[in-house]
Amino acid sequence: RSLNRTLERNFSWRGLKWRVEALRTRRSVDEVVMLHSLIYRVEQVFLIDRKTGMSLVRVRSDFAARNGLGMAAGTLEVIQALVRDSFATGAGSGIEEYWLGELQGWIVPGPYACLVAVIRGDPPRELAATLEDTIESIHILKGSALANFKGDAADFQSLRPDLEACLLAQYAASAADRFRRERVMLWS
């Protein structure tokens, strides 16, 4: 609804500015409008085996950029091993958050696998609790398969709905929606 209202007003100064930005950045107008009203969006979620660094399951949102972040899973494990070795922090520690340009990654470790969420925007800390609950339930459901992982990730495709539930997003309410809510509060 908010997006439709925004597109209806595309001949306003803001709408024209967004159209110019879309042309300049080679993005669709819809994507530019969504990015300007975006508070946060989880773009991709990886389930990564801790021993091998292999991505077991990967899900992405509809609007996720198709820019080769699949290799980020293995690279991340290498970086974490380097940090552990260089700073003698031990096997239980590692990177919990990282930035890739305008994207940030949150890493939630489990005993045998970790969950990595690639996020655009400024997510609330409640998202961390959602990710922690997800990695716990994954270890409850597939703990023995994760412990005995030998390289075949097909066993973990049944976890795809659990990871898709982490593809959360929040957008700012439009001015009309805020005005309508304020009016309702005033009448109340």
N, C-alpha and C. Protein backbone atom coordinates (compact mmCIF):
# COMPACT_ATOMS: atom_id res chain seq x y z
N ARG A 1 0.83 -1.19 0.00
CA ARG A 1 0.00 0.00 0.00
C ARG A 1 0.87 1.25 0.00
N SER A 2 1.89 1.26 0.84
CA SER A 2 2.78 2.41 0.91
C SER A 2 3.51 2.60 -0.42
N LEU A 3 3.94 1.50 -1.03
CA LEU A 3 4.64 1.58 -2.30
C LEU A 3 3.71 2.12 -3.39
N ASN A 4 2.46 1.66 -3.41
CA ASN A 4 1.50 2.15 -4.40
C ASN A 4 1.28 3.65 -4.25
N ARG A 5 1.13 4.11 -3.02
CA ARG A 5 0.94 5.56 -2.81
C ARG A 5 2.15 6.34 -3.28
N THR A 6 3.33 5.80 -3.01
CA THR A 6 4.55 6.48 -3.42
C THR A 6 4.63 6.55 -4.93
N LEU A 7 4.28 5.44 -5.60
CA LEU A 7 4.35 5.45 -7.05
C LEU A 7 3.27 6.35 -7.66
N GLU A 8 2.12 6.47 -7.00
CA GLU A 8 1.08 7.38 -7.48
C GLU A 8 1.57 8.82 -7.46
N ARG A 9 2.44 9.14 -6.53
CA ARG A 9 2.97 10.50 -6.43
C ARG A 9 4.31 10.64 -7.13
N ASN A 10 4.51 9.86 -8.20
CA ASN A 10 5.82 9.87 -8.82
C ASN A 10 6.12 11.14 -9.59
N PHE A 11 5.17 12.04 -9.73
CA PHE A 11 5.44 13.30 -10.40
C PHE A 11 5.76 14.41 -9.41
N SER A 12 5.85 14.07 -8.14
CA SER A 12 6.28 15.05 -7.15
C SER A 12 7.79 15.24 -7.29
N TRP A 13 8.33 16.22 -6.58
CA TRP A 13 9.77 16.46 -6.63
C TRP A 13 10.54 15.22 -6.17
N ARG A 14 10.07 14.59 -5.10
CA ARG A 14 10.73 13.40 -4.59
C ARG A 14 10.68 12.27 -5.61
N GLY A 15 9.52 12.10 -6.24
CA GLY A 15 9.37 11.05 -7.25
C GLY A 15 10.28 11.26 -8.44
N LEU A 16 10.40 12.50 -8.88
CA LEU A 16 11.30 12.79 -10.00
C LEU A 16 12.76 12.55 -9.61
N LYS A 17 13.09 12.91 -8.36
CA LYS A 17 14.45 12.69 -7.87
C LYS A 17 14.77 11.19 -7.84
N TRP A 18 13.79 10.37 -7.43
CA TRP A 18 13.99 8.93 -7.39
C TRP A 18 14.13 8.35 -8.79
N ARG A 19 13.38 8.90 -9.74
CA ARG A 19 13.50 8.42 -11.13
C ARG A 19 14.89 8.71 -11.68
N VAL A 20 15.40 9.90 -11.40
CA VAL A 20 16.76 10.24 -11.84
C VAL A 20 17.77 9.31 -11.19
N GLU A 21 17.59 9.04 -9.90
CA GLU A 21 18.50 8.13 -9.20
C GLU A 21 18.44 6.73 -9.81
N ALA A 22 17.24 6.28 -10.18
CA ALA A 22 17.08 4.96 -10.80
C ALA A 22 17.83 4.90 -12.13
N LEU A 23 17.73 5.94 -12.92
CA LEU A 23 18.46 5.99 -14.19
C LEU A 23 19.97 6.00 -13.95
N ARG A 24 20.39 6.79 -12.97
CA ARG A 24 21.82 6.94 -12.68
C ARG A 24 22.42 5.64 -12.15
N THR A 25 21.72 4.94 -11.29
CA THR A 25 22.25 3.72 -10.66
C THR A 25 21.86 2.45 -11.42
N ARG A 26 21.07 2.59 -12.49
CA ARG A 26 20.60 1.45 -13.29
C ARG A 26 19.80 0.46 -12.46
N ARG A 27 19.01 0.99 -11.55
CA ARG A 27 18.08 0.17 -10.77
C ARG A 27 16.67 0.52 -11.21
N SER A 28 15.72 -0.34 -10.87
CA SER A 28 14.33 -0.02 -11.18
C SER A 28 13.83 1.05 -10.22
N VAL A 29 12.82 1.79 -10.64
CA VAL A 29 12.24 2.82 -9.79
C VAL A 29 11.67 2.18 -8.52
N ASP A 30 11.05 1.02 -8.67
CA ASP A 30 10.51 0.31 -7.50
C ASP A 30 11.59 0.04 -6.46
N GLU A 31 12.76 -0.39 -6.94
CA GLU A 31 13.85 -0.70 -6.01
C GLU A 31 14.36 0.55 -5.31
N VAL A 32 14.46 1.65 -6.05
CA VAL A 32 14.92 2.91 -5.44
C VAL A 32 13.92 3.38 -4.39
N VAL A 33 12.62 3.29 -4.69
CA VAL A 33 11.59 3.69 -3.73
C VAL A 33 11.66 2.81 -2.49
N MET A 34 11.82 1.50 -2.70
CA MET A 34 11.90 0.58 -1.56
C MET A 34 13.14 0.88 -0.71
N LEU A 35 14.27 1.17 -1.36
CA LEU A 35 15.48 1.45 -0.60
C LEU A 35 15.35 2.72 0.23
N HIS A 36 14.61 3.71 -0.28
CA HIS A 36 14.45 4.96 0.46
C HIS A 36 13.46 4.82 1.62
N SER A 37 12.56 3.85 1.53
CA SER A 37 11.61 3.66 2.63
C SER A 37 12.02 2.48 3.53
N LEU A 38 13.16 1.90 3.23
CA LEU A 38 13.64 0.72 3.94
C LEU A 38 14.21 1.08 5.31
N ILE A 39 13.78 0.35 6.33
CA ILE A 39 14.42 0.42 7.65
C ILE A 39 15.48 -0.69 7.69
N TYR A 40 15.06 -1.92 7.39
CA TYR A 40 16.02 -3.01 7.24
C TYR A 40 15.38 -4.12 6.43
N ARG A 41 16.23 -4.94 5.81
CA ARG A 41 15.75 -6.12 5.08
C ARG A 41 16.85 -7.16 5.13
N VAL A 42 16.50 -8.38 5.51
CA VAL A 42 17.42 -9.50 5.46
C VAL A 42 17.41 -9.99 4.02
N GLU A 43 18.54 -9.84 3.34
CA GLU A 43 18.60 -10.16 1.92
C GLU A 43 18.95 -11.62 1.66
N GLN A 44 19.84 -12.18 2.47
CA GLN A 44 20.24 -13.57 2.29
C GLN A 44 20.52 -14.20 3.65
N VAL A 45 20.30 -15.51 3.71
CA VAL A 45 20.61 -16.26 4.91
C VAL A 45 21.33 -17.53 4.47
N PHE A 46 22.47 -17.80 5.10
CA PHE A 46 23.27 -18.99 4.82
C PHE A 46 23.31 -19.87 6.05
N LEU A 47 23.26 -21.17 5.85
CA LEU A 47 23.60 -22.14 6.89
C LEU A 47 24.95 -22.70 6.48
N ILE A 48 25.97 -22.52 7.33
CA ILE A 48 27.34 -22.87 6.97
C ILE A 48 27.88 -23.91 7.94
N ASP A 49 28.47 -24.96 7.38
CA ASP A 49 29.12 -25.97 8.20
C ASP A 49 30.38 -25.38 8.81
N ARG A 50 30.55 -25.52 10.10
CA ARG A 50 31.69 -24.89 10.79
C ARG A 50 33.02 -25.57 10.48
N LYS A 51 33.01 -26.88 10.24
CA LYS A 51 34.27 -27.59 9.97
C LYS A 51 34.81 -27.29 8.58
N THR A 52 33.94 -27.33 7.58
CA THR A 52 34.40 -27.20 6.19
C THR A 52 34.23 -25.78 5.64
N GLY A 53 33.35 -24.97 6.25
CA GLY A 53 33.06 -23.65 5.71
C GLY A 53 32.12 -23.70 4.52
N MET A 54 31.56 -24.87 4.24
CA MET A 54 30.68 -25.05 3.09
C MET A 54 29.28 -24.52 3.39
N SER A 55 28.70 -23.85 2.42
CA SER A 55 27.33 -23.37 2.54
C SER A 55 26.39 -24.55 2.32
N LEU A 56 25.61 -24.90 3.34
CA LEU A 56 24.71 -26.04 3.26
C LEU A 56 23.38 -25.67 2.64
N VAL A 57 22.85 -24.52 3.03
CA VAL A 57 21.59 -24.01 2.49
C VAL A 57 21.74 -22.50 2.37
N ARG A 58 21.19 -21.96 1.30
CA ARG A 58 21.23 -20.51 1.08
C ARG A 58 19.87 -20.08 0.56
N VAL A 59 19.30 -19.07 1.21
CA VAL A 59 18.04 -18.50 0.73
C VAL A 59 18.25 -17.00 0.56
N ARG A 60 17.49 -16.41 -0.36
CA ARG A 60 17.61 -14.97 -0.58
C ARG A 60 16.24 -14.36 -0.80
N SER A 61 16.13 -13.09 -0.46
CA SER A 61 14.87 -12.38 -0.66
C SER A 61 14.69 -12.09 -2.13
N ASP A 62 13.47 -11.70 -2.50
CA ASP A 62 13.18 -11.39 -3.89
C ASP A 62 14.00 -10.23 -4.41
N PHE A 63 14.32 -9.27 -3.55
CA PHE A 63 15.02 -8.07 -3.96
C PHE A 63 16.53 -8.14 -3.76
N ALA A 64 17.02 -9.31 -3.35
CA ALA A 64 18.47 -9.43 -3.11
C ALA A 64 19.24 -9.23 -4.40
N ALA A 65 20.30 -8.51 -4.31
CA ALA A 65 21.15 -8.29 -5.48
C ALA A 65 21.82 -9.59 -5.87
N ARG A 66 21.88 -9.85 -7.13
CA ARG A 66 22.52 -11.06 -7.65
C ARG A 66 24.00 -10.73 -7.93
N ASN A 67 24.80 -10.66 -6.86
CA ASN A 67 26.17 -10.19 -7.04
C ASN A 67 27.23 -11.15 -6.51
N GLY A 68 26.97 -12.44 -6.54
CA GLY A 68 28.02 -13.39 -6.22
C GLY A 68 28.40 -13.49 -4.76
N LEU A 69 27.48 -13.29 -3.83
CA LEU A 69 27.80 -13.42 -2.42
C LEU A 69 27.88 -14.87 -1.97
N GLY A 70 27.66 -15.82 -2.88
CA GLY A 70 27.74 -17.23 -2.53
C GLY A 70 29.13 -17.63 -2.07
N MET A 71 30.15 -16.98 -2.58
CA MET A 71 31.52 -17.28 -2.18
C MET A 71 31.85 -16.68 -0.82
N ALA A 72 30.98 -15.80 -0.33
CA ALA A 72 31.25 -15.15 0.95
C ALA A 72 31.26 -16.14 2.10
N ALA A 73 30.54 -17.24 1.98
CA ALA A 73 30.48 -18.22 3.07
C ALA A 73 31.85 -18.83 3.32
N GLY A 74 32.50 -19.34 2.30
CA GLY A 74 33.82 -19.93 2.47
C GLY A 74 34.86 -18.90 2.88
N THR A 75 34.80 -17.73 2.28
CA THR A 75 35.74 -16.66 2.61
C THR A 75 35.62 -16.27 4.07
N LEU A 76 34.39 -16.22 4.56
CA LEU A 76 34.15 -15.85 5.94
C LEU A 76 34.82 -16.83 6.90
N GLU A 77 34.73 -18.13 6.62
CA GLU A 77 35.35 -19.12 7.50
C GLU A 77 36.87 -18.97 7.50
N VAL A 78 37.45 -18.67 6.34
CA VAL A 78 38.89 -18.46 6.26
C VAL A 78 39.30 -17.26 7.11
N ILE A 79 38.53 -16.17 6.99
CA ILE A 79 38.83 -14.96 7.77
C ILE A 79 38.71 -15.25 9.26
N GLN A 80 37.67 -15.98 9.66
CA GLN A 80 37.50 -16.31 11.07
C GLN A 80 38.65 -17.16 11.58
N ALA A 81 39.11 -18.12 10.78
CA ALA A 81 40.25 -18.95 11.20
C ALA A 81 41.50 -18.10 11.35
N LEU A 82 41.70 -17.16 10.43
CA LEU A 82 42.85 -16.26 10.51
C LEU A 82 42.80 -15.41 11.78
N VAL A 83 41.62 -14.90 12.11
CA VAL A 83 41.46 -14.08 13.33
C VAL A 83 41.75 -14.92 14.57
N ARG A 84 41.21 -16.15 14.60
CA ARG A 84 41.44 -17.03 15.76
C ARG A 84 42.93 -17.34 15.92
N ASP A 85 43.59 -17.65 14.79
CA ASP A 85 45.02 -17.99 14.85
C ASP A 85 45.88 -16.77 15.20
N SER A 86 45.58 -15.64 14.60
CA SER A 86 46.41 -14.44 14.80
C SER A 86 46.29 -13.87 16.20
N PHE A 87 45.11 -13.94 16.76
CA PHE A 87 44.89 -13.33 18.07
C PHE A 87 44.72 -14.36 19.17
N ALA A 88 44.93 -15.64 18.86
CA ALA A 88 44.85 -16.73 19.85
C ALA A 88 43.58 -16.64 20.67
N THR A 89 42.45 -16.54 19.97
CA THR A 89 41.18 -16.39 20.68
C THR A 89 40.48 -17.71 20.94
N GLY A 90 40.90 -18.79 20.32
CA GLY A 90 40.29 -20.08 20.58
C GLY A 90 39.22 -20.41 19.56
N ALA A 91 38.81 -21.68 19.55
CA ALA A 91 37.86 -22.17 18.55
C ALA A 91 36.45 -21.64 18.76
N GLY A 92 36.09 -21.29 19.97
CA GLY A 92 34.72 -20.86 20.24
C GLY A 92 34.45 -19.41 19.88
N SER A 93 35.48 -18.66 19.57
CA SER A 93 35.27 -17.25 19.26
C SER A 93 35.41 -17.01 17.77
N GLY A 94 35.03 -15.82 17.35
CA GLY A 94 35.13 -15.48 15.94
C GLY A 94 34.43 -14.16 15.68
N ILE A 95 34.29 -13.86 14.41
CA ILE A 95 33.62 -12.63 14.00
C ILE A 95 32.12 -12.81 14.16
N GLU A 96 31.47 -11.85 14.78
CA GLU A 96 30.02 -11.93 14.96
C GLU A 96 29.28 -10.98 14.04
N GLU A 97 29.98 -9.98 13.52
CA GLU A 97 29.35 -9.00 12.66
C GLU A 97 30.40 -8.47 11.69
N TYR A 98 30.01 -8.25 10.45
CA TYR A 98 30.93 -7.68 9.47
C TYR A 98 30.16 -6.80 8.51
N TRP A 99 30.88 -5.97 7.78
CA TRP A 99 30.28 -5.04 6.82
C TRP A 99 30.87 -5.29 5.45
N LEU A 100 30.02 -5.29 4.43
CA LEU A 100 30.42 -5.36 3.04
C LEU A 100 29.75 -4.19 2.32
N GLY A 101 30.38 -3.03 2.34
CA GLY A 101 29.76 -1.84 1.74
C GLY A 101 28.54 -1.44 2.53
N GLU A 102 27.38 -1.42 1.87
CA GLU A 102 26.14 -1.03 2.53
C GLU A 102 25.41 -2.22 3.16
N LEU A 103 25.99 -3.40 3.05
CA LEU A 103 25.41 -4.60 3.65
C LEU A 103 26.19 -4.96 4.91
N GLN A 104 25.48 -5.53 5.86
CA GLN A 104 26.16 -6.05 7.05
C GLN A 104 25.79 -7.51 7.22
N GLY A 105 26.68 -8.25 7.82
CA GLY A 105 26.44 -9.66 8.07
C GLY A 105 26.43 -9.93 9.56
N TRP A 106 25.45 -10.70 9.97
CA TRP A 106 25.39 -11.15 11.37
C TRP A 106 25.64 -12.64 11.36
N ILE A 107 26.54 -13.08 12.21
CA ILE A 107 26.90 -14.49 12.29
C ILE A 107 26.47 -15.02 13.64
N VAL A 108 25.64 -16.07 13.60
CA VAL A 108 25.16 -16.69 14.83
C VAL A 108 25.70 -18.12 14.85
N PRO A 109 26.67 -18.39 15.71
CA PRO A 109 27.30 -19.71 15.73
C PRO A 109 26.45 -20.73 16.49
N GLY A 110 26.58 -21.96 16.04
CA GLY A 110 26.01 -23.10 16.74
C GLY A 110 27.12 -24.11 16.91
N PRO A 111 26.85 -25.24 17.55
CA PRO A 111 27.92 -26.22 17.78
C PRO A 111 28.53 -26.77 16.48
N TYR A 112 27.72 -27.05 15.45
CA TYR A 112 28.22 -27.66 14.23
C TYR A 112 28.08 -26.78 12.99
N ALA A 113 27.20 -25.80 13.06
CA ALA A 113 26.97 -24.92 11.91
C ALA A 113 26.69 -23.51 12.43
N CYS A 114 26.84 -22.55 11.54
CA CYS A 114 26.49 -21.19 11.92
C CYS A 114 25.52 -20.62 10.88
N LEU A 115 24.78 -19.66 11.32
CA LEU A 115 23.81 -18.98 10.49
C LEU A 115 24.37 -17.60 10.18
N VAL A 116 24.39 -17.23 8.91
CA VAL A 116 24.88 -15.92 8.50
C VAL A 116 23.74 -15.21 7.80
N ALA A 117 23.38 -14.03 8.30
CA ALA A 117 22.33 -13.22 7.68
C ALA A 117 22.98 -11.98 7.07
N VAL A 118 22.72 -11.74 5.80
CA VAL A 118 23.22 -10.55 5.12
C VAL A 118 22.07 -9.55 5.11
N ILE A 119 22.31 -8.37 5.71
CA ILE A 119 21.23 -7.42 6.01
C ILE A 119 21.55 -6.06 5.41
N ARG A 120 20.54 -5.44 4.84
CA ARG A 120 20.64 -4.06 4.36
C ARG A 120 19.84 -3.19 5.31
N GLY A 121 20.39 -2.07 5.71
CA GLY A 121 19.68 -1.16 6.60
C GLY A 121 20.14 -1.28 8.04
N ASP A 122 19.26 -0.86 8.93
CA ASP A 122 19.58 -0.83 10.36
C ASP A 122 18.61 -1.76 11.10
N PRO A 123 18.98 -3.03 11.27
CA PRO A 123 18.07 -3.98 11.89
C PRO A 123 17.97 -3.81 13.40
N PRO A 124 16.83 -4.16 13.96
CA PRO A 124 16.71 -4.12 15.42
C PRO A 124 17.42 -5.32 16.04
N ARG A 125 17.79 -5.22 17.28
CA ARG A 125 18.48 -6.32 17.96
C ARG A 125 17.57 -7.53 18.16
N GLU A 126 16.26 -7.34 18.04
CA GLU A 126 15.34 -8.48 18.16
C GLU A 126 15.59 -9.49 17.04
N LEU A 127 16.13 -9.02 15.92
CA LEU A 127 16.44 -9.92 14.82
C LEU A 127 17.49 -10.94 15.25
N ALA A 128 18.42 -10.53 16.10
CA ALA A 128 19.44 -11.46 16.61
C ALA A 128 18.78 -12.61 17.37
N ALA A 129 17.75 -12.32 18.14
CA ALA A 129 17.05 -13.37 18.88
C ALA A 129 16.36 -14.34 17.92
N THR A 130 15.80 -13.82 16.85
CA THR A 130 15.17 -14.67 15.84
C THR A 130 16.20 -15.60 15.21
N LEU A 131 17.36 -15.05 14.87
CA LEU A 131 18.42 -15.87 14.28
C LEU A 131 18.95 -16.92 15.25
N GLU A 132 19.09 -16.53 16.53
CA GLU A 132 19.55 -17.49 17.55
C GLU A 132 18.54 -18.62 17.73
N ASP A 133 17.25 -18.29 17.76
CA ASP A 133 16.22 -19.33 17.87
C ASP A 133 16.26 -20.26 16.67
N THR A 134 16.51 -19.71 15.49
CA THR A 134 16.55 -20.53 14.27
C THR A 134 17.73 -21.49 14.30
N ILE A 135 18.92 -21.03 14.68
CA ILE A 135 20.08 -21.92 14.70
C ILE A 135 19.91 -23.00 15.77
N GLU A 136 19.27 -22.65 16.89
CA GLU A 136 19.00 -23.66 17.92
C GLU A 136 18.05 -24.73 17.41
N SER A 137 16.97 -24.31 16.74
CA SER A 137 16.01 -25.30 16.22
C SER A 137 16.63 -26.15 15.12
N ILE A 138 17.52 -25.56 14.31
CA ILE A 138 18.22 -26.34 13.28
C ILE A 138 19.08 -27.42 13.93
N HIS A 139 19.77 -27.08 15.02
CA HIS A 139 20.61 -28.07 15.69
C HIS A 139 19.77 -29.14 16.39
N ILE A 140 18.58 -28.77 16.81
CA ILE A 140 17.68 -29.78 17.41
C ILE A 140 17.19 -30.73 16.32
N LEU A 141 16.80 -30.16 15.16
CA LEU A 141 16.26 -30.97 14.07
C LEU A 141 17.32 -31.81 13.37
N LYS A 142 18.48 -31.22 13.12
CA LYS A 142 19.49 -31.87 12.28
C LYS A 142 20.87 -31.95 12.96
N GLY A 143 20.89 -31.96 14.27
CA GLY A 143 22.16 -31.97 14.99
C GLY A 143 23.06 -33.13 14.63
N SER A 144 22.51 -34.35 14.57
CA SER A 144 23.36 -35.51 14.25
C SER A 144 23.84 -35.46 12.81
N ALA A 145 22.99 -35.00 11.90
CA ALA A 145 23.41 -34.88 10.49
C ALA A 145 24.51 -33.83 10.35
N LEU A 146 24.41 -32.74 11.12
CA LEU A 146 25.45 -31.71 11.08
C LEU A 146 26.75 -32.23 11.68
N ALA A 147 26.66 -32.99 12.76
CA ALA A 147 27.86 -33.52 13.41
C ALA A 147 28.59 -34.51 12.51
N ASN A 148 27.83 -35.26 11.70
CA ASN A 148 28.41 -36.29 10.84
C ASN A 148 28.47 -35.86 9.38
N PHE A 149 28.49 -34.59 9.12
CA PHE A 149 28.46 -34.06 7.75
C PHE A 149 29.71 -34.51 6.98
N LYS A 150 29.47 -35.09 5.79
CA LYS A 150 30.57 -35.59 4.96
C LYS A 150 30.64 -34.92 3.59
N GLY A 151 29.88 -33.84 3.37
CA GLY A 151 30.01 -33.13 2.10
C GLY A 151 28.75 -33.11 1.26
N ASP A 152 27.71 -33.89 1.61
CA ASP A 152 26.47 -33.89 0.84
C ASP A 152 25.44 -33.00 1.53
N ALA A 153 25.19 -31.84 0.94
CA ALA A 153 24.30 -30.86 1.56
C ALA A 153 22.83 -31.12 1.25
N ALA A 154 22.52 -32.16 0.49
CA ALA A 154 21.13 -32.44 0.11
C ALA A 154 20.25 -32.73 1.33
N ASP A 155 20.84 -33.28 2.39
CA ASP A 155 20.07 -33.60 3.60
C ASP A 155 19.49 -32.36 4.28
N PHE A 156 20.05 -31.19 3.98
CA PHE A 156 19.69 -29.98 4.70
C PHE A 156 18.69 -29.10 3.95
N GLN A 157 18.26 -29.53 2.75
CA GLN A 157 17.31 -28.72 1.99
C GLN A 157 15.95 -28.62 2.68
N SER A 158 15.65 -29.55 3.56
CA SER A 158 14.39 -29.49 4.30
C SER A 158 14.38 -28.32 5.29
N LEU A 159 15.54 -27.73 5.55
CA LEU A 159 15.64 -26.58 6.46
C LEU A 159 15.36 -25.26 5.76
N ARG A 160 15.15 -25.28 4.45
CA ARG A 160 14.92 -24.07 3.67
C ARG A 160 13.77 -23.21 4.25
N PRO A 161 12.62 -23.77 4.64
CA PRO A 161 11.55 -22.94 5.22
C PRO A 161 11.98 -22.24 6.52
N ASP A 162 12.82 -22.91 7.32
CA ASP A 162 13.31 -22.29 8.55
C ASP A 162 14.16 -21.06 8.24
N LEU A 163 15.00 -21.17 7.22
CA LEU A 163 15.84 -20.05 6.84
C LEU A 163 15.02 -18.95 6.16
N GLU A 164 14.04 -19.33 5.35
CA GLU A 164 13.19 -18.34 4.70
C GLU A 164 12.40 -17.52 5.71
N ALA A 165 12.10 -18.11 6.86
CA ALA A 165 11.39 -17.37 7.92
C ALA A 165 12.25 -16.25 8.49
N CYS A 166 13.56 -16.29 8.23
CA CYS A 166 14.47 -15.24 8.70
C CYS A 166 14.59 -14.09 7.71
N LEU A 167 14.00 -14.21 6.53
CA LEU A 167 14.06 -13.15 5.52
C LEU A 167 13.03 -12.08 5.86
N LEU A 168 13.30 -11.34 6.91
CA LEU A 168 12.39 -10.33 7.42
C LEU A 168 12.74 -8.96 6.87
N ALA A 169 11.76 -8.06 6.86
CA ALA A 169 11.99 -6.69 6.39
C ALA A 169 11.04 -5.76 7.12
N GLN A 170 11.45 -4.51 7.20
CA GLN A 170 10.60 -3.47 7.78
C GLN A 170 10.81 -2.19 6.98
N TYR A 171 9.69 -1.56 6.61
CA TYR A 171 9.74 -0.33 5.83
C TYR A 171 9.10 0.79 6.64
N ALA A 172 9.53 2.00 6.36
CA ALA A 172 8.97 3.17 7.05
C ALA A 172 7.55 3.39 6.55
N ALA A 173 6.69 3.79 7.44
CA ALA A 173 5.32 4.11 7.06
C ALA A 173 5.32 5.42 6.28
N SER A 174 4.40 5.51 5.32
CA SER A 174 4.33 6.75 4.54
C SER A 174 3.74 7.87 5.40
N ALA A 175 3.88 9.08 4.95
CA ALA A 175 3.36 10.24 5.69
C ALA A 175 1.85 10.13 5.84
N ALA A 176 1.17 9.64 4.81
CA ALA A 176 -0.29 9.50 4.89
C ALA A 176 -0.68 8.49 5.98
N ASP A 177 0.06 7.39 6.06
CA ASP A 177 -0.22 6.39 7.10
C ASP A 177 0.02 6.97 8.49
N ARG A 178 1.12 7.72 8.65
CA ARG A 178 1.40 8.34 9.95
C ARG A 178 0.30 9.34 10.32
N PHE A 179 -0.14 10.15 9.35
CA PHE A 179 -1.19 11.13 9.61
C PHE A 179 -2.48 10.42 10.01
N ARG A 180 -2.82 9.36 9.33
CA ARG A 180 -4.04 8.60 9.64
C ARG A 180 -3.95 8.02 11.05
N ARG A 181 -2.78 7.48 11.44
CA ARG A 181 -2.62 6.93 12.79
C ARG A 181 -2.72 8.02 13.83
N GLU A 182 -2.11 9.17 13.55
CA GLU A 182 -2.18 10.29 14.50
C GLU A 182 -3.62 10.75 14.68
N ARG A 183 -4.39 10.78 13.60
CA ARG A 183 -5.79 11.18 13.69
C ARG A 183 -6.58 10.19 14.53
N VAL A 184 -6.32 8.90 14.35
CA VAL A 184 -7.01 7.87 15.13
C VAL A 184 -6.66 8.02 16.60
N MET A 185 -5.37 8.26 16.89
CA MET A 185 -4.94 8.45 18.28
C MET A 185 -5.61 9.69 18.89
N LEU A 186 -5.72 10.76 18.11
CA LEU A 186 -6.35 11.98 18.58
C LEU A 186 -7.82 11.72 18.92
N TRP A 187 -8.53 11.01 18.04
CA TRP A 187 -9.93 10.71 18.30
C TRP A 187 -10.09 9.78 19.51
N SER A 188 -9.13 8.89 19.66
CA SER A 188 -9.20 7.95 20.80
C SER A 188 -9.04 8.73 22.10
